[in-house]
Amino acid sequence: GTSFDVVYFDPMFRHPVQGSKAMEALRPLSLEEPLAKQTV
């Protein structure tokens, strides 16, 4: 029964930012799975 006013998703890691060293280092640490409609 826990509720929130809004739930937010940012699945942006599916689209790497080319040339961004910060993102290149961060990307391998993240869980790369597309957002499922069932999760929404």
Full PDB file with SEQRES, HELIX, SHEET, SSBOND, CRYST1, ORIGX, SCALE, CONECT and MASTER records, all heavy atoms in Angstrom:
SEQRES   1 A   40  GLY THR SER PHE ASP VAL VAL TYR PHE ASP PRO MET PHE          
SEQRES   2 A   40  ARG HIS PRO VAL GLN GLY SER LYS ALA MET GLU ALA LEU          
SEQRES   3 A   40  ARG PRO LEU SER LEU GLU GLU PRO LEU ALA LYS GLN THR          
SEQRES   4 A   40  VAL                                                          
HELIX    1 AA1 MET A   12  ARG A   14  5                                   3    
HELIX    2 AA2 LYS A   21  LEU A   26  1                                   6    
HELIX    3 AA3 ARG A   27  LEU A   29  5                                   3    
CRYST1    1.000    1.000    1.000  90.00  90.00  90.00 P 1           1          
ORIGX1      1.000000  0.000000  0.000000        0.00000                         
ORIGX2      0.000000  1.000000  0.000000        0.00000                         
ORIGX3      0.000000  0.000000  1.000000        0.00000                         
SCALE1      1.000000  0.000000  0.000000        0.00000                         
SCALE2      0.000000  1.000000  0.000000        0.00000                         
SCALE3      0.000000  0.000000  1.000000        0.00000                         
ATOM      1  N   GLY A   1       0.776  -1.235   0.000  1.00  0.00           N  
ATOM      2  CA  GLY A   1       0.000   0.000   0.000  1.00  0.00           C  
ATOM      3  C   GLY A   1       0.807   1.284   0.000  1.00  0.00           C  
ATOM      4  O   GLY A   1       0.242   2.371   0.178  1.00  0.00           O  
ATOM      5  N   THR A   2       2.126   1.191  -0.206  1.00  0.00           N  
ATOM      6  CA  THR A   2       2.951   2.396  -0.290  1.00  0.00           C  
ATOM      7  C   THR A   2       2.647   3.137  -1.583  1.00  0.00           C  
ATOM      8  O   THR A   2       2.599   2.529  -2.657  1.00  0.00           O  
ATOM      9  CB  THR A   2       4.445   2.034  -0.251  1.00  0.00           C  
ATOM     10  OG1 THR A   2       4.725   1.311   0.942  1.00  0.00           O  
ATOM     11  CG2 THR A   2       5.314   3.281  -0.304  1.00  0.00           C  
ATOM     12  N   SER A   3       2.430   4.442  -1.493  1.00  0.00           N  
ATOM     13  CA  SER A   3       2.083   5.217  -2.690  1.00  0.00           C  
ATOM     14  C   SER A   3       2.962   6.450  -2.817  1.00  0.00           C  
ATOM     15  O   SER A   3       3.558   6.920  -1.844  1.00  0.00           O  
ATOM     16  CB  SER A   3       0.607   5.634  -2.646  1.00  0.00           C  
ATOM     17  OG  SER A   3       0.369   6.487  -1.537  1.00  0.00           O  
ATOM     18  N   PHE A   4       3.049   6.953  -4.037  1.00  0.00           N  
ATOM     19  CA  PHE A   4       3.787   8.175  -4.344  1.00  0.00           C  
ATOM     20  C   PHE A   4       2.899   9.060  -5.213  1.00  0.00           C  
ATOM     21  O   PHE A   4       1.896   8.594  -5.774  1.00  0.00           O  
ATOM     22  CB  PHE A   4       5.081   7.841  -5.087  1.00  0.00           C  
ATOM     23  CG  PHE A   4       6.109   7.125  -4.243  1.00  0.00           C  
ATOM     24  CD1 PHE A   4       6.090   5.745  -4.115  1.00  0.00           C  
ATOM     25  CD2 PHE A   4       7.098   7.833  -3.586  1.00  0.00           C  
ATOM     26  CE1 PHE A   4       7.024   5.078  -3.343  1.00  0.00           C  
ATOM     27  CE2 PHE A   4       8.043   7.180  -2.814  1.00  0.00           C  
ATOM     28  CZ  PHE A   4       8.010   5.803  -2.686  1.00  0.00           C  
ATOM     29  N   ASP A   5       3.275  10.313  -5.334  1.00  0.00           N  
ATOM     30  CA  ASP A   5       2.538  11.221  -6.220  1.00  0.00           C  
ATOM     31  C   ASP A   5       2.954  11.023  -7.671  1.00  0.00           C  
ATOM     32  O   ASP A   5       2.146  11.223  -8.592  1.00  0.00           O  
ATOM     33  CB  ASP A   5       2.787  12.682  -5.809  1.00  0.00           C  
ATOM     34  CG  ASP A   5       2.283  12.973  -4.416  1.00  0.00           C  
ATOM     35  OD1 ASP A   5       1.138  12.590  -4.104  1.00  0.00           O  
ATOM     36  OD2 ASP A   5       3.039  13.576  -3.627  1.00  0.00           O  
ATOM     37  N   VAL A   6       4.204  10.626  -7.871  1.00  0.00           N  
ATOM     38  CA  VAL A   6       4.709  10.442  -9.229  1.00  0.00           C  
ATOM     39  C   VAL A   6       5.850   9.431  -9.214  1.00  0.00           C  
ATOM     40  O   VAL A   6       6.631   9.376  -8.266  1.00  0.00           O  
ATOM     41  CB  VAL A   6       5.179  11.787  -9.839  1.00  0.00           C  
ATOM     42  CG1 VAL A   6       6.302  12.404  -9.010  1.00  0.00           C  
ATOM     43  CG2 VAL A   6       5.596  11.639 -11.293  1.00  0.00           C  
ATOM     44  N   VAL A   7       5.914   8.616 -10.263  1.00  0.00           N  
ATOM     45  CA  VAL A   7       7.018   7.679 -10.472  1.00  0.00           C  
ATOM     46  C   VAL A   7       7.748   8.098 -11.741  1.00  0.00           C  
ATOM     47  O   VAL A   7       7.127   8.387 -12.771  1.00  0.00           O  
ATOM     48  CB  VAL A   7       6.524   6.227 -10.602  1.00  0.00           C  
ATOM     49  CG1 VAL A   7       7.685   5.294 -10.953  1.00  0.00           C  
ATOM     50  CG2 VAL A   7       5.859   5.760  -9.306  1.00  0.00           C  
ATOM     51  N   TYR A   8       9.076   8.116 -11.679  1.00  0.00           N  
ATOM     52  CA  TYR A   8       9.896   8.646 -12.775  1.00  0.00           C  
ATOM     53  C   TYR A   8      10.876   7.586 -13.274  1.00  0.00           C  
ATOM     54  O   TYR A   8      11.489   6.868 -12.482  1.00  0.00           O  
ATOM     55  CB  TYR A   8      10.660   9.873 -12.261  1.00  0.00           C  
ATOM     56  CG  TYR A   8      11.675  10.453 -13.212  1.00  0.00           C  
ATOM     57  CD1 TYR A   8      11.302  10.928 -14.473  1.00  0.00           C  
ATOM     58  CD2 TYR A   8      13.019  10.558 -12.843  1.00  0.00           C  
ATOM     59  CE1 TYR A   8      12.237  11.475 -15.332  1.00  0.00           C  
ATOM     60  CE2 TYR A   8      13.957  11.104 -13.693  1.00  0.00           C  
ATOM     61  CZ  TYR A   8      13.567  11.562 -14.941  1.00  0.00           C  
ATOM     62  OH  TYR A   8      14.484  12.099 -15.793  1.00  0.00           O  
ATOM     63  N   PHE A   9      11.010   7.506 -14.593  1.00  0.00           N  
ATOM     64  CA  PHE A   9      11.976   6.608 -15.232  1.00  0.00           C  
ATOM     65  C   PHE A   9      12.855   7.404 -16.195  1.00  0.00           C  
ATOM     66  O   PHE A   9      12.346   8.200 -16.989  1.00  0.00           O  
ATOM     67  CB  PHE A   9      11.265   5.520 -16.044  1.00  0.00           C  
ATOM     68  CG  PHE A   9      10.414   4.575 -15.256  1.00  0.00           C  
ATOM     69  CD1 PHE A   9       9.046   4.803 -15.116  1.00  0.00           C  
ATOM     70  CD2 PHE A   9      10.963   3.451 -14.663  1.00  0.00           C  
ATOM     71  CE1 PHE A   9       8.252   3.928 -14.400  1.00  0.00           C  
ATOM     72  CE2 PHE A   9      10.172   2.563 -13.946  1.00  0.00           C  
ATOM     73  CZ  PHE A   9       8.813   2.802 -13.812  1.00  0.00           C  
ATOM     74  N   ASP A  10      14.145   7.156 -16.137  1.00  0.00           N  
ATOM     75  CA  ASP A  10      15.076   7.731 -17.105  1.00  0.00           C  
ATOM     76  C   ASP A  10      15.931   6.603 -17.669  1.00  0.00           C  
ATOM     77  O   ASP A  10      17.027   6.329 -17.173  1.00  0.00           O  
ATOM     78  CB  ASP A  10      15.959   8.788 -16.429  1.00  0.00           C  
ATOM     79  CG  ASP A  10      17.026   9.331 -17.375  1.00  0.00           C  
ATOM     80  OD1 ASP A  10      16.981   9.019 -18.580  1.00  0.00           O  
ATOM     81  OD2 ASP A  10      17.913  10.073 -16.910  1.00  0.00           O  
ATOM     82  N   PRO A  11      15.438   5.901 -18.707  1.00  0.00           N  
ATOM     83  CA  PRO A  11      16.191   4.784 -19.293  1.00  0.00           C  
ATOM     84  C   PRO A  11      17.187   5.241 -20.347  1.00  0.00           C  
ATOM     85  O   PRO A  11      17.376   4.597 -21.374  1.00  0.00           O  
ATOM     86  CB  PRO A  11      15.084   3.932 -19.916  1.00  0.00           C  
ATOM     87  CG  PRO A  11      14.044   4.932 -20.328  1.00  0.00           C  
ATOM     88  CD  PRO A  11      14.124   6.064 -19.328  1.00  0.00           C  
ATOM     89  N   MET A  12      17.855   6.365 -20.099  1.00  0.00           N  
ATOM     90  CA  MET A  12      18.685   6.994 -21.119  1.00  0.00           C  
ATOM     91  C   MET A  12      19.947   6.226 -21.451  1.00  0.00           C  
ATOM     92  O   MET A  12      20.563   6.474 -22.478  1.00  0.00           O  
ATOM     93  CB  MET A  12      19.072   8.411 -20.670  1.00  0.00           C  
ATOM     94  CG  MET A  12      17.896   9.366 -20.620  1.00  0.00           C  
ATOM     95  SD  MET A  12      17.222   9.705 -22.262  1.00  0.00           S  
ATOM     96  CE  MET A  12      18.508  10.745 -22.926  1.00  0.00           C  
ATOM     97  N   PHE A  13      20.387   5.282 -20.606  1.00  0.00           N  
ATOM     98  CA  PHE A  13      21.611   4.560 -20.895  1.00  0.00           C  
ATOM     99  C   PHE A  13      21.506   3.703 -22.146  1.00  0.00           C  
ATOM    100  O   PHE A  13      22.492   3.200 -22.647  1.00  0.00           O  
ATOM    101  CB  PHE A  13      22.004   3.688 -19.707  1.00  0.00           C  
ATOM    102  CG  PHE A  13      22.643   4.456 -18.601  1.00  0.00           C  
ATOM    103  CD1 PHE A  13      22.061   4.497 -17.346  1.00  0.00           C  
ATOM    104  CD2 PHE A  13      23.819   5.143 -18.812  1.00  0.00           C  
ATOM    105  CE1 PHE A  13      22.651   5.207 -16.323  1.00  0.00           C  
ATOM    106  CE2 PHE A  13      24.408   5.860 -17.789  1.00  0.00           C  
ATOM    107  CZ  PHE A  13      23.828   5.892 -16.544  1.00  0.00           C  
ATOM    108  N   ARG A  14      20.311   3.521 -22.673  1.00  0.00           N  
ATOM    109  CA  ARG A  14      20.164   2.775 -23.926  1.00  0.00           C  
ATOM    110  C   ARG A  14      20.799   3.526 -25.087  1.00  0.00           C  
ATOM    111  O   ARG A  14      21.107   2.957 -26.119  1.00  0.00           O  
ATOM    112  CB  ARG A  14      18.685   2.531 -24.228  1.00  0.00           C  
ATOM    113  CG  ARG A  14      18.056   1.472 -23.353  1.00  0.00           C  
ATOM    114  CD  ARG A  14      16.708   1.105 -23.893  1.00  0.00           C  
ATOM    115  NE  ARG A  14      15.776   2.213 -23.840  1.00  0.00           N  
ATOM    116  CZ  ARG A  14      14.671   2.290 -24.562  1.00  0.00           C  
ATOM    117  NH1 ARG A  14      14.379   1.353 -25.432  1.00  0.00           N  
ATOM    118  NH2 ARG A  14      13.856   3.314 -24.441  1.00  0.00           N  
ATOM    119  N   HIS A  15      20.969   4.832 -24.920  1.00  0.00           N  
ATOM    120  CA  HIS A  15      21.502   5.678 -25.992  1.00  0.00           C  
ATOM    121  C   HIS A  15      22.754   6.382 -25.477  1.00  0.00           C  
ATOM    122  O   HIS A  15      22.651   7.452 -24.895  1.00  0.00           O  
ATOM    123  CB  HIS A  15      20.461   6.701 -26.440  1.00  0.00           C  
ATOM    124  CG  HIS A  15      19.153   6.071 -26.821  1.00  0.00           C  
ATOM    125  ND1 HIS A  15      18.956   5.453 -28.025  1.00  0.00           N  
ATOM    126  CD2 HIS A  15      17.988   5.946 -26.141  1.00  0.00           C  
ATOM    127  CE1 HIS A  15      17.710   4.987 -28.085  1.00  0.00           C  
ATOM    128  NE2 HIS A  15      17.117   5.269 -26.951  1.00  0.00           N  
ATOM    129  N   PRO A  16      23.940   5.792 -25.638  1.00  0.00           N  
ATOM    130  CA  PRO A  16      25.157   6.391 -25.110  1.00  0.00           C  
ATOM    131  C   PRO A  16      25.404   7.788 -25.650  1.00  0.00           C  
ATOM    132  O   PRO A  16      25.084   8.090 -26.794  1.00  0.00           O  
ATOM    133  CB  PRO A  16      26.263   5.429 -25.579  1.00  0.00           C  
ATOM    134  CG  PRO A  16      25.561   4.156 -25.920  1.00  0.00           C  
ATOM    135  CD  PRO A  16      24.194   4.550 -26.378  1.00  0.00           C  
ATOM    136  N   VAL A  17      25.975   8.634 -24.788  1.00  0.00           N  
ATOM    137  CA  VAL A  17      26.385   9.961 -25.222  1.00  0.00           C  
ATOM    138  C   VAL A  17      27.808   9.848 -25.736  1.00  0.00           C  
ATOM    139  O   VAL A  17      28.755   9.684 -24.966  1.00  0.00           O  
ATOM    140  CB  VAL A  17      26.316  10.972 -24.046  1.00  0.00           C  
ATOM    141  CG1 VAL A  17      26.762  12.351 -24.516  1.00  0.00           C  
ATOM    142  CG2 VAL A  17      24.899  11.021 -23.490  1.00  0.00           C  
ATOM    143  N   GLN A  18      27.961   9.892 -27.042  1.00  0.00           N  
ATOM    144  CA  GLN A  18      29.268   9.690 -27.635  1.00  0.00           C  
ATOM    145  C   GLN A  18      30.215  10.822 -27.230  1.00  0.00           C  
ATOM    146  O   GLN A  18      29.864  11.995 -27.260  1.00  0.00           O  
ATOM    147  CB  GLN A  18      29.153   9.639 -29.162  1.00  0.00           C  
ATOM    148  CG  GLN A  18      28.270   8.497 -29.662  1.00  0.00           C  
ATOM    149  CD  GLN A  18      28.814   7.132 -29.283  1.00  0.00           C  
ATOM    150  OE1 GLN A  18      30.017   6.947 -29.202  1.00  0.00           O  
ATOM    151  NE2 GLN A  18      27.922   6.176 -29.049  1.00  0.00           N  
ATOM    152  N   GLY A  19      31.428  10.417 -26.832  1.00  0.00           N  
ATOM    153  CA  GLY A  19      32.432  11.415 -26.498  1.00  0.00           C  
ATOM    154  C   GLY A  19      32.380  11.881 -25.064  1.00  0.00           C  
ATOM    155  O   GLY A  19      33.209  12.674 -24.644  1.00  0.00           O  
ATOM    156  N   SER A  20      31.417  11.403 -24.280  1.00  0.00           N  
ATOM    157  CA  SER A  20      31.321  11.795 -22.884  1.00  0.00           C  
ATOM    158  C   SER A  20      32.115  10.809 -22.030  1.00  0.00           C  
ATOM    159  O   SER A  20      31.696   9.680 -21.824  1.00  0.00           O  
ATOM    160  CB  SER A  20      29.856  11.830 -22.425  1.00  0.00           C  
ATOM    161  OG  SER A  20      29.787  11.996 -21.024  1.00  0.00           O  
ATOM    162  N   LYS A  21      33.285  11.227 -21.524  1.00  0.00           N  
ATOM    163  CA  LYS A  21      34.124  10.334 -20.733  1.00  0.00           C  
ATOM    164  C   LYS A  21      33.430   9.930 -19.442  1.00  0.00           C  
ATOM    165  O   LYS A  21      33.574   8.798 -18.974  1.00  0.00           O  
ATOM    166  CB  LYS A  21      35.460  11.018 -20.428  1.00  0.00           C  
ATOM    167  CG  LYS A  21      36.355  11.181 -21.657  1.00  0.00           C  
ATOM    168  CD  LYS A  21      37.700  11.750 -21.279  1.00  0.00           C  
ATOM    169  CE  LYS A  21      38.603  11.857 -22.505  1.00  0.00           C  
ATOM    170  NZ  LYS A  21      39.934  12.416 -22.147  1.00  0.00           N  
ATOM    171  N   ALA A  22      32.665  10.869 -18.858  1.00  0.00           N  
ATOM    172  CA  ALA A  22      31.956  10.556 -17.618  1.00  0.00           C  
ATOM    173  C   ALA A  22      30.945   9.445 -17.849  1.00  0.00           C  
ATOM    174  O   ALA A  22      30.824   8.507 -17.054  1.00  0.00           O  
ATOM    175  CB  ALA A  22      31.261  11.805 -17.089  1.00  0.00           C  
ATOM    176  N   MET A  23      30.214   9.511 -18.967  1.00  0.00           N  
ATOM    177  CA  MET A  23      29.209   8.495 -19.263  1.00  0.00           C  
ATOM    178  C   MET A  23      29.855   7.171 -19.652  1.00  0.00           C  
ATOM    179  O   MET A  23      29.336   6.105 -19.348  1.00  0.00           O  
ATOM    180  CB  MET A  23      28.289   8.985 -20.378  1.00  0.00           C  
ATOM    181  CG  MET A  23      27.342  10.101 -19.978  1.00  0.00           C  
ATOM    182  SD  MET A  23      26.196   9.619 -18.652  1.00  0.00           S  
ATOM    183  CE  MET A  23      26.942  10.405 -17.214  1.00  0.00           C  
ATOM    184  N   GLU A  24      31.006   7.240 -20.322  1.00  0.00           N  
ATOM    185  CA  GLU A  24      31.705   6.017 -20.708  1.00  0.00           C  
ATOM    186  C   GLU A  24      32.147   5.236 -19.475  1.00  0.00           C  
ATOM    187  O   GLU A  24      32.111   4.011 -19.461  1.00  0.00           O  
ATOM    188  CB  GLU A  24      32.914   6.361 -21.580  1.00  0.00           C  
ATOM    189  CG  GLU A  24      32.540   6.822 -22.986  1.00  0.00           C  
ATOM    190  CD  GLU A  24      33.733   7.341 -23.765  1.00  0.00           C  
ATOM    191  OE1 GLU A  24      34.860   7.235 -23.237  1.00  0.00           O  
ATOM    192  OE2 GLU A  24      33.549   7.863 -24.876  1.00  0.00           O  
ATOM    193  N   ALA A  25      32.557   5.947 -18.421  1.00  0.00           N  
ATOM    194  CA  ALA A  25      32.970   5.290 -17.190  1.00  0.00           C  
ATOM    195  C   ALA A  25      31.777   4.800 -16.394  1.00  0.00           C  
ATOM    196  O   ALA A  25      31.837   3.769 -15.728  1.00  0.00           O  
ATOM    197  CB  ALA A  25      33.806   6.257 -16.344  1.00  0.00           C  
ATOM    198  N   LEU A  26      30.671   5.536 -16.475  1.00  0.00           N  
ATOM    199  CA  LEU A  26      29.486   5.209 -15.687  1.00  0.00           C  
ATOM    200  C   LEU A  26      28.659   4.094 -16.313  1.00  0.00           C  
ATOM    201  O   LEU A  26      28.096   3.247 -15.603  1.00  0.00           O  
ATOM    202  CB  LEU A  26      28.620   6.470 -15.546  1.00  0.00           C  
ATOM    203  CG  LEU A  26      27.384   6.386 -14.650  1.00  0.00           C  
ATOM    204  CD1 LEU A  26      27.777   6.009 -13.235  1.00  0.00           C  
ATOM    205  CD2 LEU A  26      26.657   7.722 -14.660  1.00  0.00           C  
ATOM    206  N   ARG A  27      28.608   4.052 -17.620  1.00  0.00           N  
ATOM    207  CA  ARG A  27      27.744   3.110 -18.322  1.00  0.00           C  
ATOM    208  C   ARG A  27      27.979   1.651 -17.928  1.00  0.00           C  
ATOM    209  O   ARG A  27      27.012   0.921 -17.661  1.00  0.00           O  
ATOM    210  CB  ARG A  27      27.910   3.304 -19.831  1.00  0.00           C  
ATOM    211  CG  ARG A  27      26.992   2.424 -20.680  1.00  0.00           C  
ATOM    212  CD  ARG A  27      27.190   2.733 -22.165  1.00  0.00           C  
ATOM    213  NE  ARG A  27      26.420   1.810 -22.990  1.00  0.00           N  
ATOM    214  CZ  ARG A  27      25.142   1.988 -23.314  1.00  0.00           C  
ATOM    215  NH1 ARG A  27      24.492   3.031 -22.855  1.00  0.00           N  
ATOM    216  NH2 ARG A  27      24.501   1.111 -24.062  1.00  0.00           N  
ATOM    217  N   PRO A  28      29.224   1.165 -17.851  1.00  0.00           N  
ATOM    218  CA  PRO A  28      29.418  -0.246 -17.494  1.00  0.00           C  
ATOM    219  C   PRO A  28      28.968  -0.579 -16.073  1.00  0.00           C  
ATOM    220  O   PRO A  28      28.744  -1.747 -15.755  1.00  0.00           O  
ATOM    221  CB  PRO A  28      30.937  -0.436 -17.632  1.00  0.00           C  
ATOM    222  CG  PRO A  28      31.382   0.665 -18.532  1.00  0.00           C  
ATOM    223  CD  PRO A  28      30.496   1.817 -18.196  1.00  0.00           C  
ATOM    224  N   LEU A  29      28.842   0.434 -15.200  1.00  0.00           N  
ATOM    225  CA  LEU A  29      28.424   0.185 -13.828  1.00  0.00           C  
ATOM    226  C   LEU A  29      26.911   0.057 -13.703  1.00  0.00           C  
ATOM    227  O   LEU A  29      26.400  -0.418 -12.691  1.00  0.00           O  
ATOM    228  CB  LEU A  29      28.894   1.340 -12.922  1.00  0.00           C  
ATOM    229  CG  LEU A  29      30.394   1.623 -12.902  1.00  0.00           C  
ATOM    230  CD1 LEU A  29      30.679   2.809 -11.994  1.00  0.00           C  
ATOM    231  CD2 LEU A  29      31.167   0.397 -12.440  1.00  0.00           C  
ATOM    232  N   SER A  30      26.192   0.491 -14.725  1.00  0.00           N  
ATOM    233  CA  SER A  30      24.734   0.531 -14.651  1.00  0.00           C  
ATOM    234  C   SER A  30      24.123  -0.777 -15.144  1.00  0.00           C  
ATOM    235  O   SER A  30      24.741  -1.543 -15.876  1.00  0.00           O  
ATOM    236  CB  SER A  30      24.193   1.690 -15.491  1.00  0.00           C  
ATOM    237  OG  SER A  30      24.445   1.456 -16.863  1.00  0.00           O  
ATOM    238  N   LEU A  31      22.870  -1.008 -14.727  1.00  0.00           N  
ATOM    239  CA  LEU A  31      22.123  -2.166 -15.200  1.00  0.00           C  
ATOM    240  C   LEU A  31      21.452  -1.786 -16.510  1.00  0.00           C  
ATOM    241  O   LEU A  31      20.536  -0.978 -16.535  1.00  0.00           O  
ATOM    242  CB  LEU A  31      21.068  -2.582 -14.162  1.00  0.00           C  
ATOM    243  CG  LEU A  31      20.205  -3.793 -14.541  1.00  0.00           C  
ATOM    244  CD1 LEU A  31      21.065  -5.043 -14.650  1.00  0.00           C  
ATOM    245  CD2 LEU A  31      19.100  -4.008 -13.518  1.00  0.00           C  
ATOM    246  N   GLU A  32      21.934  -2.380 -17.609  1.00  0.00           N  
ATOM    247  CA  GLU A  32      21.432  -2.009 -18.926  1.00  0.00           C  
ATOM    248  C   GLU A  32      20.292  -2.925 -19.353  1.00  0.00           C  
ATOM    249  O   GLU A  32      20.513  -3.948 -19.985  1.00  0.00           O  
ATOM    250  CB  GLU A  32      22.565  -2.049 -19.950  1.00  0.00           C  
ATOM    251  CG  GLU A  32      23.638  -0.997 -19.716  1.00  0.00           C  
ATOM    252  CD  GLU A  32      24.619  -0.950 -20.860  1.00  0.00           C  
ATOM    253  OE1 GLU A  32      24.352  -0.245 -21.840  1.00  0.00           O  
ATOM    254  OE2 GLU A  32      25.651  -1.634 -20.770  1.00  0.00           O  
ATOM    255  N   GLU A  33      19.093  -2.556 -18.978  1.00  0.00           N  
ATOM    256  CA  GLU A  33      17.903  -3.280 -19.410  1.00  0.00           C  
ATOM    257  C   GLU A  33      16.863  -2.267 -19.862  1.00  0.00           C  
ATOM    258  O   GLU A  33      16.647  -1.255 -19.200  1.00  0.00           O  
ATOM    259  CB  GLU A  33      17.337  -4.124 -18.257  1.00  0.00           C  
ATOM    260  CG  GLU A  33      18.182  -5.323 -17.892  1.00  0.00           C  
ATOM    261  CD  GLU A  33      17.511  -6.190 -16.841  1.00  0.00           C  
ATOM    262  OE1 GLU A  33      16.400  -5.833 -16.390  1.00  0.00           O  
ATOM    263  OE2 GLU A  33      18.102  -7.217 -16.458  1.00  0.00           O  
ATOM    264  N   PRO A  34      16.216  -2.507 -21.004  1.00  0.00           N  
ATOM    265  CA  PRO A  34      15.189  -1.571 -21.465  1.00  0.00           C  
ATOM    266  C   PRO A  34      14.009  -1.546 -20.498  1.00  0.00           C  
ATOM    267  O   PRO A  34      13.731  -2.533 -19.805  1.00  0.00           O  
ATOM    268  CB  PRO A  34      14.784  -2.133 -22.831  1.00  0.00           C  
ATOM    269  CG  PRO A  34      15.179  -3.575 -22.787  1.00  0.00           C  
ATOM    270  CD  PRO A  34      16.403  -3.647 -21.924  1.00  0.00           C  
ATOM    271  N   LEU A  35      13.350  -0.424 -20.432  1.00  0.00           N  
ATOM    272  CA  LEU A  35      12.179  -0.274 -19.566  1.00  0.00           C  
ATOM    273  C   LEU A  35      11.028  -1.104 -20.125  1.00  0.00           C  
ATOM    274  O   LEU A  35      10.592  -0.907 -21.257  1.00  0.00           O  
ATOM    275  CB  LEU A  35      11.788   1.205 -19.487  1.00  0.00           C  
ATOM    276  CG  LEU A  35      10.528   1.539 -18.696  1.00  0.00           C  
ATOM    277  CD1 LEU A  35      10.658   1.091 -17.245  1.00  0.00           C  
ATOM    278  CD2 LEU A  35      10.244   3.044 -18.776  1.00  0.00           C  
ATOM    279  N   ALA A  36      10.527  -2.035 -19.320  1.00  0.00           N  
ATOM    280  CA  ALA A  36       9.438  -2.911 -19.749  1.00  0.00           C  
ATOM    281  C   ALA A  36       8.091  -2.232 -19.525  1.00  0.00           C  
ATOM    282  O   ALA A  36       7.903  -1.507 -18.548  1.00  0.00           O  
ATOM    283  CB  ALA A  36       9.482  -4.230 -18.976  1.00  0.00           C  
ATOM    284  N   LYS A  37       7.157  -2.478 -20.428  1.00  0.00           N  
ATOM    285  CA  LYS A  37       5.817  -1.903 -20.288  1.00  0.00           C  
ATOM    286  C   LYS A  37       5.140  -2.398 -19.010  1.00  0.00           C  
ATOM    287  O   LYS A  37       4.358  -1.674 -18.393  1.00  0.00           O  
ATOM    288  CB  LYS A  37       4.970  -2.255 -21.513  1.00  0.00           C  
ATOM    289  CG  LYS A  37       5.417  -1.558 -22.791  1.00  0.00           C  
ATOM    290  CD  LYS A  37       4.501  -1.885 -23.959  1.00  0.00           C  
ATOM    291  CE  LYS A  37       4.951  -1.169 -25.227  1.00  0.00           C  
ATOM    292  NZ  LYS A  37       4.079  -1.479 -26.390  1.00  0.00           N  
ATOM    293  N   GLN A  38       5.456  -3.633 -18.616  1.00  0.00           N  
ATOM    294  CA  GLN A  38       4.876  -4.174 -17.387  1.00  0.00           C  
ATOM    295  C   GLN A  38       5.329  -3.379 -16.171  1.00  0.00           C  
ATOM    296  O   GLN A  38       4.567  -3.210 -15.210  1.00  0.00           O  
ATOM    297  CB  GLN A  38       5.268  -5.649 -17.221  1.00  0.00           C  
ATOM    298  CG  GLN A  38       4.670  -6.578 -18.270  1.00  0.00           C  
ATOM    299  CD  GLN A  38       5.579  -6.717 -19.493  1.00  0.00           C  
ATOM    300  OE1 GLN A  38       6.394  -5.833 -19.771  1.00  0.00           O  
ATOM    301  NE2 GLN A  38       5.443  -7.824 -20.198  1.00  0.00           N  
ATOM    302  N   THR A  39       6.575  -2.879 -16.212  1.00  0.00           N  
ATOM    303  CA  THR A  39       7.078  -2.072 -15.101  1.00  0.00           C  
ATOM    304  C   THR A  39       6.339  -0.746 -15.034  1.00  0.00           C  
ATOM    305  O   THR A  39       6.023  -0.238 -13.948  1.00  0.00           O  
ATOM    306  CB  THR A  39       8.589  -1.835 -15.257  1.00  0.00           C  
ATOM    307  OG1 THR A  39       9.260  -3.102 -15.371  1.00  0.00           O  
ATOM    308  CG2 THR A  39       9.154  -1.085 -14.066  1.00  0.00           C  
ATOM    309  N   VAL A  40       6.039  -0.173 -16.193  1.00  0.00           N  
ATOM    310  CA  VAL A  40       5.265   1.075 -16.238  1.00  0.00           C  
ATOM    311  C   VAL A  40       3.868   0.838 -15.674  1.00  0.00           C  
ATOM    312  O   VAL A  40       3.331   1.670 -14.925  1.00  0.00           O  
ATOM    313  CB  VAL A  40       5.188   1.607 -17.680  1.00  0.00           C  
ATOM    314  CG1 VAL A  40       4.292   2.841 -17.744  1.00  0.00           C  
ATOM    315  CG2 VAL A  40       6.588   1.944 -18.201  1.00  0.00           C  
TER     316      VAL A  40                                                      
MASTER        0    0    0    3    0    0    0    6  315    1    0    4          
END                                                                             
